C-alpha cells in the first residue's frame, strides 16, 4: 500500500466515509471541493501518476471511468460534469496516487473556464 494520504485512507489509518467501495477502488468527497459536487475516485492499486500506468492497468483505468460516471449520475450531475486527472506537480497534483476528480453542479460559464 502507498504511504500517501490515499494509501493511509485505504489502509484504514485515516478515517474516511466511502461513497463508493469495491474491490478495485473507493470514492470519497473531496475535503477541499472546487465545485458543488467534487468527489475523488481512488484506485486501490497505488499508481503514482497516469504516466506510470502499465498495459496491465487498462481494465482498472476503464473501471475508474465507469465508477466516475455512475457516481455523477447518483449525485445528480450526470448531465454535465468534469472528469479531471492531474499528472505532475506543475498542474496541481499534490498526492502521488492516481485519482480522478469528478466535479459538477455548476454551469460552464460559472466555472470561468474555456
N, C-alpha and C. Protein backbone atom coordinates (compact mmCIF):
# COMPACT_ATOMS: atom_id res chain seq x y z
N UNK A 1 0.85 -1.18 0.00
CA UNK A 1 0.00 0.00 0.00
C UNK A 1 0.89 1.24 0.00
N UNK A 2 0.41 2.27 -0.61
CA UNK A 2 1.13 3.53 -0.74
C UNK A 2 1.22 4.25 0.61
N UNK A 3 2.27 5.04 0.79
CA UNK A 3 2.41 5.81 2.03
C UNK A 3 1.82 7.21 1.89
N UNK A 4 1.02 7.44 0.85
CA UNK A 4 0.34 8.72 0.67
C UNK A 4 -0.90 8.78 1.56
N UNK A 5 -1.52 9.94 1.61
CA UNK A 5 -2.76 10.07 2.37
C UNK A 5 -3.82 9.09 1.84
N UNK A 6 -3.86 8.87 0.53
CA UNK A 6 -4.84 7.92 -0.01
C UNK A 6 -4.50 6.49 0.40
N UNK A 7 -3.22 6.17 0.41
CA UNK A 7 -2.81 4.85 0.89
C UNK A 7 -3.21 4.63 2.33
N UNK A 8 -3.08 5.68 3.14
CA UNK A 8 -3.45 5.58 4.55
C UNK A 8 -4.96 5.47 4.72
N UNK A 9 -5.71 6.16 3.87
CA UNK A 9 -7.18 6.01 3.89
C UNK A 9 -7.55 4.59 3.52
N UNK A 10 -6.94 4.07 2.46
CA UNK A 10 -7.25 2.71 2.01
C UNK A 10 -6.86 1.66 3.06
N UNK A 11 -5.80 1.93 3.81
CA UNK A 11 -5.36 1.01 4.86
C UNK A 11 -6.15 1.16 6.15
N UNK A 12 -7.05 2.15 6.22
CA UNK A 12 -7.84 2.38 7.42
C UNK A 12 -7.11 3.18 8.48
N UNK A 13 -5.94 3.73 8.15
CA UNK A 13 -5.18 4.51 9.11
C UNK A 13 -5.73 5.93 9.26
N UNK A 14 -6.41 6.41 8.24
CA UNK A 14 -7.08 7.72 8.28
C UNK A 14 -8.54 7.46 7.98
N UNK A 15 -9.45 7.88 8.87
CA UNK A 15 -10.87 7.62 8.63
C UNK A 15 -11.40 8.42 7.44
N UNK A 16 -12.27 7.78 6.68
CA UNK A 16 -12.93 8.45 5.56
C UNK A 16 -14.25 7.73 5.30
N UNK A 17 -15.23 8.51 4.86
CA UNK A 17 -16.53 7.93 4.52
C UNK A 17 -16.54 7.65 3.01
N UNK A 18 -16.59 6.36 2.67
CA UNK A 18 -16.63 5.97 1.27
C UNK A 18 -18.04 6.13 0.73
N UNK A 19 -18.16 6.81 -0.39
CA UNK A 19 -19.46 6.90 -1.06
C UNK A 19 -19.56 5.82 -2.13
N UNK A 20 -18.44 5.17 -2.40
CA UNK A 20 -18.40 4.00 -3.27
C UNK A 20 -17.22 3.18 -2.80
N UNK A 21 -17.40 1.86 -2.85
CA UNK A 21 -16.30 0.96 -2.49
C UNK A 21 -16.51 -0.35 -3.22
N UNK A 22 -15.47 -0.81 -3.89
CA UNK A 22 -15.48 -2.14 -4.49
C UNK A 22 -14.07 -2.70 -4.42
N UNK A 23 -13.83 -3.83 -5.03
CA UNK A 23 -12.52 -4.47 -4.94
C UNK A 23 -11.41 -3.70 -5.67
N UNK A 24 -11.78 -2.77 -6.56
CA UNK A 24 -10.80 -2.05 -7.36
C UNK A 24 -10.56 -0.60 -6.92
N UNK A 25 -11.56 0.02 -6.28
CA UNK A 25 -11.43 1.44 -5.96
C UNK A 25 -12.40 1.85 -4.86
N UNK A 26 -12.17 3.06 -4.39
CA UNK A 26 -13.10 3.71 -3.45
C UNK A 26 -13.36 5.12 -3.98
N UNK A 27 -14.39 5.76 -3.46
CA UNK A 27 -14.66 7.16 -3.78
C UNK A 27 -15.03 7.88 -2.50
N UNK A 28 -14.54 9.11 -2.40
CA UNK A 28 -14.80 9.96 -1.24
C UNK A 28 -15.10 11.37 -1.72
N UNK A 29 -15.74 12.14 -0.86
CA UNK A 29 -15.91 13.56 -1.15
C UNK A 29 -14.57 14.26 -0.94
N UNK A 30 -14.24 15.19 -1.82
CA UNK A 30 -13.01 15.96 -1.68
C UNK A 30 -13.14 16.87 -0.46
N UNK A 31 -12.10 16.94 0.37
CA UNK A 31 -12.19 17.78 1.58
C UNK A 31 -12.01 19.26 1.27
N UNK A 32 -11.56 19.57 0.05
CA UNK A 32 -11.44 20.97 -0.39
C UNK A 32 -12.15 21.08 -1.74
N UNK A 33 -13.48 20.97 -1.74
CA UNK A 33 -14.21 20.93 -3.01
C UNK A 33 -14.06 22.21 -3.83
N UNK A 34 -13.91 22.01 -5.13
CA UNK A 34 -13.80 23.12 -6.07
C UNK A 34 -15.08 23.30 -6.87
N UNK A 35 -16.11 22.52 -6.54
CA UNK A 35 -17.41 22.57 -7.21
C UNK A 35 -18.44 22.04 -6.22
N UNK A 36 -19.73 22.32 -6.45
CA UNK A 36 -20.76 21.81 -5.54
C UNK A 36 -20.70 20.28 -5.37
N UNK A 37 -20.40 19.58 -6.44
CA UNK A 37 -20.14 18.13 -6.37
C UNK A 37 -18.68 17.94 -6.73
N UNK A 38 -17.91 17.38 -5.82
CA UNK A 38 -16.49 17.13 -6.07
C UNK A 38 -16.09 15.88 -5.30
N UNK A 39 -16.00 14.79 -6.04
CA UNK A 39 -15.62 13.53 -5.42
C UNK A 39 -14.35 13.01 -6.08
N UNK A 40 -13.64 12.17 -5.35
CA UNK A 40 -12.41 11.56 -5.82
C UNK A 40 -12.62 10.06 -5.96
N UNK A 41 -12.23 9.52 -7.09
CA UNK A 41 -12.26 8.08 -7.32
C UNK A 41 -10.81 7.62 -7.25
N UNK A 42 -10.53 6.73 -6.29
CA UNK A 42 -9.15 6.36 -5.95
C UNK A 42 -8.98 4.85 -6.14
N UNK A 43 -8.06 4.45 -7.02
CA UNK A 43 -7.83 3.01 -7.17
C UNK A 43 -7.12 2.45 -5.94
N UNK A 44 -7.42 1.21 -5.63
CA UNK A 44 -6.73 0.56 -4.53
C UNK A 44 -5.26 0.32 -4.88
N UNK A 45 -4.99 0.09 -6.15
CA UNK A 45 -3.61 -0.11 -6.60
C UNK A 45 -2.91 1.25 -6.59
N UNK A 46 -1.78 1.37 -5.91
CA UNK A 46 -1.09 2.66 -5.80
C UNK A 46 -0.25 2.98 -7.04
N UNK A 47 -0.89 3.53 -8.06
CA UNK A 47 -0.18 4.00 -9.25
C UNK A 47 0.13 5.48 -8.99
N UNK A 48 1.40 5.89 -8.97
CA UNK A 48 1.72 7.27 -8.61
C UNK A 48 1.07 8.31 -9.52
N UNK A 49 1.19 8.15 -10.84
CA UNK A 49 0.62 9.10 -11.80
C UNK A 49 0.13 8.32 -13.01
N UNK A 50 -0.69 8.94 -13.82
CA UNK A 50 -1.22 8.29 -15.01
C UNK A 50 -0.10 7.78 -15.92
N UNK A 51 0.98 8.55 -16.06
CA UNK A 51 2.07 8.10 -16.92
C UNK A 51 2.78 6.87 -16.38
N UNK A 52 2.53 6.51 -15.13
CA UNK A 52 3.11 5.31 -14.55
C UNK A 52 2.24 4.08 -14.76
N UNK A 53 1.03 4.26 -15.28
CA UNK A 53 0.15 3.11 -15.54
C UNK A 53 0.77 2.23 -16.61
N UNK A 54 0.53 0.96 -16.49
CA UNK A 54 1.08 -0.04 -17.40
C UNK A 54 -0.05 -0.68 -18.22
N UNK A 55 0.29 -1.38 -19.29
CA UNK A 55 -0.75 -2.02 -20.09
C UNK A 55 -1.68 -2.92 -19.26
N UNK A 56 -1.16 -3.55 -18.23
CA UNK A 56 -2.00 -4.41 -17.39
C UNK A 56 -2.99 -3.62 -16.54
N UNK A 57 -2.86 -2.31 -16.49
CA UNK A 57 -3.78 -1.44 -15.74
C UNK A 57 -4.97 -0.99 -16.59
N UNK A 58 -5.04 -1.40 -17.83
CA UNK A 58 -6.09 -0.92 -18.74
C UNK A 58 -7.48 -1.17 -18.19
N UNK A 59 -7.76 -2.37 -17.70
CA UNK A 59 -9.09 -2.67 -17.16
C UNK A 59 -9.39 -1.81 -15.93
N UNK A 60 -8.40 -1.61 -15.08
CA UNK A 60 -8.59 -0.77 -13.89
C UNK A 60 -8.93 0.66 -14.29
N UNK A 61 -8.19 1.20 -15.25
CA UNK A 61 -8.45 2.58 -15.69
C UNK A 61 -9.86 2.72 -16.26
N UNK A 62 -10.30 1.73 -17.03
CA UNK A 62 -11.66 1.75 -17.54
C UNK A 62 -12.68 1.67 -16.42
N UNK A 63 -12.40 0.85 -15.43
CA UNK A 63 -13.31 0.71 -14.29
C UNK A 63 -13.46 2.04 -13.56
N UNK A 64 -12.35 2.75 -13.37
CA UNK A 64 -12.40 4.05 -12.69
C UNK A 64 -13.32 5.01 -13.44
N UNK A 65 -13.24 5.00 -14.77
CA UNK A 65 -14.10 5.87 -15.58
C UNK A 65 -15.57 5.49 -15.42
N UNK A 66 -15.87 4.20 -15.40
CA UNK A 66 -17.25 3.76 -15.24
C UNK A 66 -17.79 4.14 -13.86
N UNK A 67 -16.97 4.00 -12.84
CA UNK A 67 -17.38 4.39 -11.49
C UNK A 67 -17.62 5.90 -11.44
N UNK A 68 -16.77 6.67 -12.09
CA UNK A 68 -16.95 8.13 -12.12
C UNK A 68 -18.30 8.49 -12.74
N UNK A 69 -18.66 7.86 -13.85
CA UNK A 69 -19.95 8.12 -14.48
C UNK A 69 -21.11 7.72 -13.61
N UNK A 70 -21.00 6.57 -12.96
CA UNK A 70 -22.06 6.09 -12.06
C UNK A 70 -22.26 7.08 -10.91
N UNK A 71 -21.17 7.53 -10.32
CA UNK A 71 -21.28 8.48 -9.21
C UNK A 71 -21.86 9.81 -9.67
N UNK A 72 -21.46 10.27 -10.85
CA UNK A 72 -22.01 11.52 -11.38
C UNK A 72 -23.52 11.42 -11.50
N UNK A 73 -24.00 10.30 -12.04
CA UNK A 73 -25.46 10.11 -12.14
C UNK A 73 -26.10 10.09 -10.77
N UNK A 74 -25.54 9.33 -9.84
CA UNK A 74 -26.11 9.21 -8.50
C UNK A 74 -26.12 10.55 -7.76
N UNK A 75 -25.14 11.39 -8.02
CA UNK A 75 -25.03 12.68 -7.32
C UNK A 75 -25.73 13.81 -8.06
N UNK A 76 -26.45 13.46 -9.12
CA UNK A 76 -27.28 14.43 -9.81
C UNK A 76 -26.59 15.32 -10.82
N UNK A 77 -25.37 14.96 -11.23
CA UNK A 77 -24.66 15.78 -12.21
C UNK A 77 -24.33 14.99 -13.48
N UNK A 78 -25.04 13.91 -13.70
CA UNK A 78 -24.77 13.05 -14.84
C UNK A 78 -24.95 13.73 -16.18
N UNK A 79 -25.69 14.83 -16.21
CA UNK A 79 -25.90 15.54 -17.48
C UNK A 79 -24.81 16.57 -17.75
N UNK A 80 -23.89 16.77 -16.81
CA UNK A 80 -22.81 17.73 -17.02
C UNK A 80 -21.82 17.72 -15.87
N UNK A 81 -20.64 17.18 -16.12
CA UNK A 81 -19.60 17.16 -15.10
C UNK A 81 -18.24 17.14 -15.77
N UNK A 82 -17.21 17.47 -15.01
CA UNK A 82 -15.83 17.38 -15.48
C UNK A 82 -15.18 16.18 -14.81
N UNK A 83 -14.34 15.52 -15.58
CA UNK A 83 -13.53 14.44 -15.05
C UNK A 83 -12.09 14.85 -15.24
N UNK A 84 -11.36 15.00 -14.14
CA UNK A 84 -10.00 15.54 -14.19
C UNK A 84 -9.02 14.53 -13.59
N UNK A 85 -7.91 14.34 -14.30
CA UNK A 85 -6.80 13.55 -13.80
C UNK A 85 -5.56 14.43 -13.91
N UNK A 86 -5.00 14.81 -12.78
CA UNK A 86 -3.77 15.59 -12.78
C UNK A 86 -2.58 14.64 -12.90
N UNK A 87 -1.55 15.09 -13.57
CA UNK A 87 -0.35 14.29 -13.74
C UNK A 87 0.87 15.20 -13.55
N UNK A 88 1.37 15.26 -12.33
CA UNK A 88 2.56 16.06 -12.04
C UNK A 88 2.24 17.31 -11.24
N UNK A 89 3.22 17.74 -10.49
CA UNK A 89 3.06 18.90 -9.62
C UNK A 89 2.82 20.19 -10.38
N UNK A 90 3.34 20.29 -11.61
CA UNK A 90 3.19 21.53 -12.37
C UNK A 90 1.74 21.82 -12.73
N UNK A 91 0.86 20.81 -12.64
CA UNK A 91 -0.56 21.01 -12.92
C UNK A 91 -1.42 20.86 -11.67
N UNK A 92 -0.77 20.87 -10.52
CA UNK A 92 -1.52 20.87 -9.27
C UNK A 92 -1.63 19.54 -8.56
N UNK A 93 -0.96 18.51 -9.04
CA UNK A 93 -1.03 17.21 -8.35
C UNK A 93 -0.27 17.33 -7.03
N UNK A 94 -0.95 17.02 -5.94
CA UNK A 94 -0.32 17.11 -4.62
C UNK A 94 -0.17 15.75 -3.95
N UNK A 95 -0.96 14.77 -4.37
CA UNK A 95 -0.89 13.43 -3.81
C UNK A 95 -0.51 12.48 -4.94
N UNK A 96 0.63 11.84 -4.80
CA UNK A 96 1.12 10.96 -5.87
C UNK A 96 0.54 9.56 -5.73
N UNK A 97 -0.76 9.49 -5.95
CA UNK A 97 -1.53 8.25 -6.02
C UNK A 97 -2.64 8.60 -7.01
N UNK A 98 -2.59 8.01 -8.18
CA UNK A 98 -3.55 8.32 -9.23
C UNK A 98 -4.97 8.41 -8.66
N UNK A 99 -5.72 9.42 -9.08
CA UNK A 99 -7.11 9.55 -8.67
C UNK A 99 -7.83 10.43 -9.68
N UNK A 100 -9.13 10.24 -9.78
CA UNK A 100 -9.97 11.01 -10.69
C UNK A 100 -10.82 11.97 -9.88
N UNK A 101 -10.89 13.22 -10.34
CA UNK A 101 -11.78 14.21 -9.76
C UNK A 101 -13.06 14.23 -10.59
N UNK A 102 -14.20 14.02 -9.95
CA UNK A 102 -15.50 14.16 -10.60
C UNK A 102 -16.10 15.45 -10.06
N UNK A 103 -16.27 16.44 -10.95
CA UNK A 103 -16.71 17.76 -10.50
C UNK A 103 -17.91 18.22 -11.32
N UNK A 104 -18.95 18.68 -10.63
CA UNK A 104 -20.13 19.17 -11.32
C UNK A 104 -20.98 20.03 -10.41
N UNK A 105 -22.10 20.46 -10.95
CA UNK A 105 -23.03 21.26 -10.17
C UNK A 105 -22.98 22.73 -10.49
N UNK A 106 -22.15 23.12 -11.46
CA UNK A 106 -22.08 24.50 -11.93
C UNK A 106 -22.15 24.47 -13.45
N UNK A 107 -22.66 25.55 -14.01
CA UNK A 107 -22.70 25.63 -15.47
C UNK A 107 -21.31 26.00 -15.99
N UNK A 108 -21.13 25.79 -17.25
CA UNK A 108 -19.86 26.06 -17.92
C UNK A 108 -19.42 27.50 -17.68
N UNK A 109 -20.30 28.45 -17.83
CA UNK A 109 -19.95 29.87 -17.67
C UNK A 109 -19.60 30.20 -16.21
N UNK A 110 -20.20 29.50 -15.25
CA UNK A 110 -19.89 29.73 -13.83
C UNK A 110 -18.51 29.23 -13.45
N UNK A 111 -17.98 28.28 -14.23
CA UNK A 111 -16.70 27.69 -13.92
C UNK A 111 -15.55 28.59 -14.33
N UNK A 112 -15.83 29.57 -15.20
CA UNK A 112 -14.79 30.50 -15.62
C UNK A 112 -13.71 29.85 -16.44
N UNK A 113 -14.07 28.81 -17.17
CA UNK A 113 -13.08 28.09 -17.96
C UNK A 113 -13.51 28.08 -19.42
N UNK A 114 -12.53 28.06 -20.29
CA UNK A 114 -12.82 27.97 -21.73
C UNK A 114 -12.82 26.53 -22.18
